[in-house]
Amino acid sequence: MSKGGEMDERETECLIEQSISAWRPRDPDAGILPHPAWADLDPTARERLFDETTRSRLLESALDEEGLSTTARAVLGRIL
């Protein structure tokens, strides 16, 4: 972190990269929780995360033979 307690760009990028993944922690009842890295992002970085996640899921879907993103696969895996 910088001297003023603010995150530098590298730290922000790392948290965004962690948060983009389809993995999410679960509570004891198997409920899905937000990624822990999300809580450390400021509002501007959270908006960037949303935009980058949307792009990432579109790319994943385009590359998948069934047109599914990692999130869709994770949800289907839990259902099936």
C-alpha atoms as a PDB file:
ATOM      1  CA  MET A   1       0.000   0.000   0.000  1.00  0.00           C
ATOM      2  CA  SER A   2       1.051   3.553  -0.524  1.00  0.00           C
ATOM      3  CA  LYS A   3       1.972   5.811   2.374  1.00  0.00           C
ATOM      4  CA  GLY A   4      -1.550   7.252   2.562  1.00  0.00           C
ATOM      5  CA  GLY A   5      -3.026   3.787   3.079  1.00  0.00           C
ATOM      6  CA  GLU A   6      -4.332   3.628  -0.481  1.00  0.00           C
ATOM      7  CA  MET A   7      -3.705   0.625  -2.678  1.00  0.00           C
ATOM      8  CA  ASP A   8      -1.377   1.002  -5.605  1.00  0.00           C
ATOM      9  CA  GLU A   9      -2.399  -0.047  -9.105  1.00  0.00           C
ATOM     10  CA  ARG A  10      -0.576  -3.380  -8.856  1.00  0.00           C
ATOM     11  CA  GLU A  11      -2.427  -4.334  -5.671  1.00  0.00           C
ATOM     12  CA  THR A  12      -5.756  -3.295  -7.190  1.00  0.00           C
ATOM     13  CA  GLU A  13      -5.066  -5.341 -10.329  1.00  0.00           C
ATOM     14  CA  CYS A  14      -4.239  -8.382  -8.209  1.00  0.00           C
ATOM     15  CA  LEU A  15      -7.507  -8.102  -6.271  1.00  0.00           C
ATOM     16  CA  ILE A  16      -9.489  -7.644  -9.496  1.00  0.00           C
ATOM     17  CA  GLU A  17      -7.814 -10.696 -11.017  1.00  0.00           C
ATOM     18  CA  GLN A  18      -8.686 -12.781  -7.948  1.00  0.00           C
ATOM     19  CA  SER A  19     -12.285 -11.589  -7.975  1.00  0.00           C
ATOM     20  CA  ILE A  20     -12.850 -12.336 -11.675  1.00  0.00           C
ATOM     21  CA  SER A  21     -12.620 -16.078 -11.104  1.00  0.00           C
ATOM     22  CA  ALA A  22     -15.824 -18.114 -10.881  1.00  0.00           C
ATOM     23  CA  TRP A  23     -14.785 -19.482  -7.468  1.00  0.00           C
ATOM     24  CA  ARG A  24     -16.728 -18.139  -4.505  1.00  0.00           C
ATOM     25  CA  PRO A  25     -16.509 -19.118  -0.838  1.00  0.00           C
ATOM     26  CA  ARG A  26     -19.479 -20.786   0.802  1.00  0.00           C
ATOM     27  CA  ASP A  27     -21.085 -20.313   4.188  1.00  0.00           C
ATOM     28  CA  PRO A  28     -21.817 -23.341   6.439  1.00  0.00           C
ATOM     29  CA  ASP A  29     -25.186 -23.816   4.700  1.00  0.00           C
ATOM     30  CA  ALA A  30     -23.486 -23.859   1.253  1.00  0.00           C
ATOM     31  CA  GLY A  31     -24.694 -20.351   0.429  1.00  0.00           C
ATOM     32  CA  ILE A  32     -22.495 -18.430  -1.984  1.00  0.00           C
ATOM     33  CA  LEU A  33     -20.553 -15.494  -0.537  1.00  0.00           C
ATOM     34  CA  PRO A  34     -18.778 -12.639  -2.322  1.00  0.00           C
ATOM     35  CA  HIS A  35     -15.130 -13.211  -3.181  1.00  0.00           C
ATOM     36  CA  PRO A  36     -13.024 -11.936  -0.230  1.00  0.00           C
ATOM     37  CA  ALA A  37     -10.913  -9.724  -2.510  1.00  0.00           C
ATOM     38  CA  TRP A  38     -14.037  -7.778  -3.537  1.00  0.00           C
ATOM     39  CA  ALA A  39     -14.331  -6.227  -0.075  1.00  0.00           C
ATOM     40  CA  ASP A  40     -10.882  -4.655  -0.421  1.00  0.00           C
ATOM     41  CA  LEU A  41     -11.742  -2.825  -3.649  1.00  0.00           C
ATOM     42  CA  ASP A  42     -12.915   0.777  -3.711  1.00  0.00           C
ATOM     43  CA  PRO A  43     -16.073   1.693  -5.674  1.00  0.00           C
ATOM     44  CA  THR A  44     -14.123   2.648  -8.807  1.00  0.00           C
ATOM     45  CA  ALA A  45     -12.213  -0.647  -8.784  1.00  0.00           C
ATOM     46  CA  ARG A  46     -15.487  -2.545  -8.246  1.00  0.00           C
ATOM     47  CA  GLU A  47     -16.874  -0.937 -11.400  1.00  0.00           C
ATOM     48  CA  ARG A  48     -13.728  -1.984 -13.278  1.00  0.00           C
ATOM     49  CA  LEU A  49     -14.154  -5.476 -11.870  1.00  0.00           C
ATOM     50  CA  PHE A  50     -17.729  -5.628 -13.149  1.00  0.00           C
ATOM     51  CA  ASP A  51     -16.674  -4.516 -16.647  1.00  0.00           C
ATOM     52  CA  GLU A  52     -13.716  -6.902 -16.779  1.00  0.00           C
ATOM     53  CA  THR A  53     -15.777  -9.810 -15.442  1.00  0.00           C
ATOM     54  CA  THR A  54     -18.440  -9.203 -18.081  1.00  0.00           C
ATOM     55  CA  ARG A  55     -15.803  -9.206 -20.837  1.00  0.00           C
ATOM     56  CA  SER A  56     -14.144 -12.288 -19.388  1.00  0.00           C
ATOM     57  CA  ARG A  57     -17.403 -14.274 -19.291  1.00  0.00           C
ATOM     58  CA  LEU A  58     -18.164 -13.287 -22.902  1.00  0.00           C
ATOM     59  CA  LEU A  59     -14.731 -14.498 -24.006  1.00  0.00           C
ATOM     60  CA  GLU A  60     -15.089 -17.731 -22.040  1.00  0.00           C
ATOM     61  CA  SER A  61     -18.484 -18.364 -23.617  1.00  0.00           C
ATOM     62  CA  ALA A  62     -17.143 -17.661 -27.103  1.00  0.00           C
ATOM     63  CA  LEU A  63     -14.307 -20.159 -26.611  1.00  0.00           C
ATOM     64  CA  ASP A  64     -16.422 -22.885 -25.012  1.00  0.00           C
ATOM     65  CA  GLU A  65     -17.859 -25.527 -27.349  1.00  0.00           C
ATOM     66  CA  GLU A  66     -21.194 -25.315 -25.523  1.00  0.00           C
ATOM     67  CA  GLY A  67     -21.106 -21.539 -25.206  1.00  0.00           C
ATOM     68  CA  LEU A  68     -20.804 -21.617 -21.413  1.00  0.00           C
ATOM     69  CA  SER A  69     -18.733 -19.381 -19.162  1.00  0.00           C
ATOM     70  CA  THR A  70     -16.866 -20.636 -16.106  1.00  0.00           C
ATOM     71  CA  THR A  71     -19.669 -19.252 -13.965  1.00  0.00           C
ATOM     72  CA  ALA A  72     -22.288 -21.154 -15.965  1.00  0.00           C
ATOM     73  CA  ARG A  73     -20.226 -24.331 -15.672  1.00  0.00           C
ATOM     74  CA  ALA A  74     -19.840 -23.840 -11.891  1.00  0.00           C
ATOM     75  CA  VAL A  75     -23.592 -23.357 -11.480  1.00  0.00           C
ATOM     76  CA  LEU A  76     -24.414 -26.372 -13.651  1.00  0.00           C
ATOM     77  CA  GLY A  77     -21.869 -28.435 -11.733  1.00  0.00           C
ATOM     78  CA  ARG A  78     -23.660 -27.642  -8.484  1.00  0.00           C
ATOM     79  CA  ILE A  79     -27.076 -28.428  -9.966  1.00  0.00           C
ATOM     80  CA  LEU A  80     -26.085 -31.669 -11.601  1.00  0.00           C
END
